[in-house]
Amino acid sequence: MKTAHVKSSDVPVENIQEGLDRQILGYTKDLMLVRVEFKKGAEGYVHEHPHEQVTYVESGSFEVNLGGEKKILGAGDAFTILGGVEHGAVCLEDGVLIDTFSPMREDFIETE
């Protein structure tokens, strides 16, 4: 991706599983920004990856599991994940997570 202005209305939204829609809003080789909309009850299953991640809770309520430690987070909260740490989230109330990854998630754009 090049230097650019991004209008979210111009970016496709991809359904990645029941109750989860992902929108890749921008990336460089070292950084990626992704908006993920969750419906109540949807789960970002526990997984791990080598990328560092910082996530902002834009709206809703989530039970966030970081390395086996679970906490309830809501709008305005955030969490950080080092590469290789298992993590996941269960949506308790419809909401949106804003994910950033470093480096960018090549596996996300292979399907674009």
Protein backbone atom coordinates (compact mmCIF):
# COMPACT_ATOMS: atom_id res chain seq x y z
CA MET A 1 0.00 0.00 0.00
CA LYS A 2 1.16 3.54 -0.70
CA THR A 3 0.68 6.78 1.22
CA ALA A 4 -3.03 7.50 0.87
CA HIS A 5 -6.19 8.89 2.37
CA VAL A 6 -8.59 6.07 3.22
CA LYS A 7 -12.37 6.48 3.32
CA SER A 8 -13.88 3.53 5.15
CA SER A 9 -16.89 3.67 2.83
CA ASP A 10 -14.54 2.78 -0.05
CA VAL A 11 -12.98 -0.23 1.70
CA PRO A 12 -14.63 -3.65 1.36
CA VAL A 13 -15.88 -5.44 4.45
CA GLU A 14 -15.15 -9.17 4.61
CA ASN A 15 -17.23 -11.61 6.65
CA ILE A 16 -14.60 -13.85 8.28
CA GLN A 17 -16.94 -16.01 10.35
CA GLU A 18 -20.45 -15.91 11.78
CA GLY A 19 -20.85 -12.57 13.58
CA LEU A 20 -17.42 -11.15 12.60
CA ASP A 21 -16.77 -8.68 9.80
CA ARG A 22 -13.25 -7.39 9.04
CA GLN A 23 -12.22 -4.22 7.23
CA ILE A 24 -8.54 -3.64 6.44
CA LEU A 25 -8.17 0.14 6.60
CA GLY A 26 -4.50 0.43 5.73
CA TYR A 27 -1.08 -1.12 5.95
CA THR A 28 2.59 -0.79 5.22
CA LYS A 29 5.13 -3.58 5.51
CA ASP A 30 5.61 -2.74 9.20
CA LEU A 31 2.11 -1.77 10.37
CA MET A 32 -1.55 -2.66 9.74
CA LEU A 33 -4.87 -1.16 10.89
CA VAL A 34 -7.98 -3.38 10.92
CA ARG A 35 -11.56 -2.71 12.07
CA VAL A 36 -13.45 -5.80 13.28
CA GLU A 37 -17.19 -5.63 13.94
CA PHE A 38 -18.56 -8.27 16.33
CA LYS A 39 -22.13 -9.34 16.98
CA LYS A 40 -23.06 -10.37 20.52
CA GLY A 41 -21.86 -13.93 21.18
CA ALA A 42 -19.29 -13.95 18.37
CA GLU A 43 -15.86 -15.16 19.35
CA GLY A 44 -12.39 -14.35 18.17
CA TYR A 45 -11.11 -17.81 19.00
CA VAL A 46 -7.93 -18.24 21.06
CA HIS A 47 -4.96 -18.16 18.71
CA GLU A 48 -1.43 -16.82 18.48
CA HIS A 49 0.73 -15.21 15.82
CA PRO A 50 4.23 -13.72 15.69
CA HIS A 51 2.92 -10.16 15.22
CA GLU A 52 2.73 -7.62 18.02
CA GLN A 53 -0.79 -6.28 18.42
CA VAL A 54 -2.48 -3.33 20.10
CA THR A 55 -6.28 -3.29 20.10
CA TYR A 56 -8.66 -0.47 20.98
CA VAL A 57 -12.24 -1.21 22.01
CA GLU A 58 -14.23 1.30 19.96
CA SER A 59 -17.61 0.09 21.21
CA GLY A 60 -19.33 -2.82 22.91
CA SER A 61 -18.13 -5.14 25.64
CA PHE A 62 -15.69 -8.05 25.36
CA GLU A 63 -14.25 -10.78 27.56
CA VAL A 64 -10.61 -10.63 26.50
CA ASN A 65 -8.28 -13.57 27.14
CA LEU A 66 -4.57 -12.71 27.14
CA GLY A 67 -2.35 -15.68 27.89
CA GLY A 68 -5.12 -17.30 29.97
CA GLU A 69 -5.97 -14.17 31.98
CA LYS A 70 -9.51 -12.95 31.25
CA LYS A 71 -10.89 -9.44 31.83
CA ILE A 72 -14.00 -7.61 30.70
CA LEU A 73 -13.17 -4.56 28.59
CA GLY A 74 -15.48 -1.92 27.15
CA ALA A 75 -15.50 1.17 24.97
CA GLY A 76 -12.36 3.24 25.43
CA ASP A 77 -10.28 0.35 26.81
CA ALA A 78 -7.35 -1.29 25.02
CA PHE A 79 -5.04 -4.29 25.23
CA THR A 80 -1.57 -5.18 24.01
CA ILE A 81 -0.26 -8.55 22.90
CA LEU A 82 3.32 -9.61 22.33
CA GLY A 83 4.02 -11.99 19.47
CA GLY A 84 3.49 -15.66 20.34
CA VAL A 85 1.02 -15.03 23.20
CA GLU A 86 -2.29 -16.89 22.97
CA HIS A 87 -5.28 -14.55 22.97
CA GLY A 88 -8.94 -14.31 22.06
CA ALA A 89 -12.13 -12.36 22.73
CA VAL A 90 -15.80 -13.12 23.25
CA CYS A 91 -18.26 -10.36 22.39
CA LEU A 92 -20.67 -9.73 25.27
CA GLU A 93 -22.43 -6.79 23.60
CA ASP A 94 -22.31 -5.85 19.88
CA GLY A 95 -19.10 -3.93 19.34
CA VAL A 96 -16.05 -2.98 17.33
CA LEU A 97 -12.37 -3.65 17.91
CA ILE A 98 -9.66 -1.62 16.16
CA ASP A 99 -6.60 -3.84 15.73
CA THR A 100 -3.09 -2.72 14.86
CA PHE A 101 -0.39 -5.22 13.95
CA SER A 102 3.36 -4.99 13.53
CA PRO A 103 4.53 -6.14 11.13
CA MET A 104 1.47 -6.21 8.88
CA ARG A 105 -0.53 -9.44 8.60
CA GLU A 106 0.33 -10.80 5.17
CA ASP A 107 -2.15 -13.63 5.76
CA PHE A 108 -4.97 -11.04 5.85
CA ILE A 109 -4.23 -9.61 2.41
CA GLU A 110 -3.68 -12.93 0.63
CA THR A 111 -7.47 -13.17 0.32
CA GLU A 112 -7.97 -9.62 -1.00
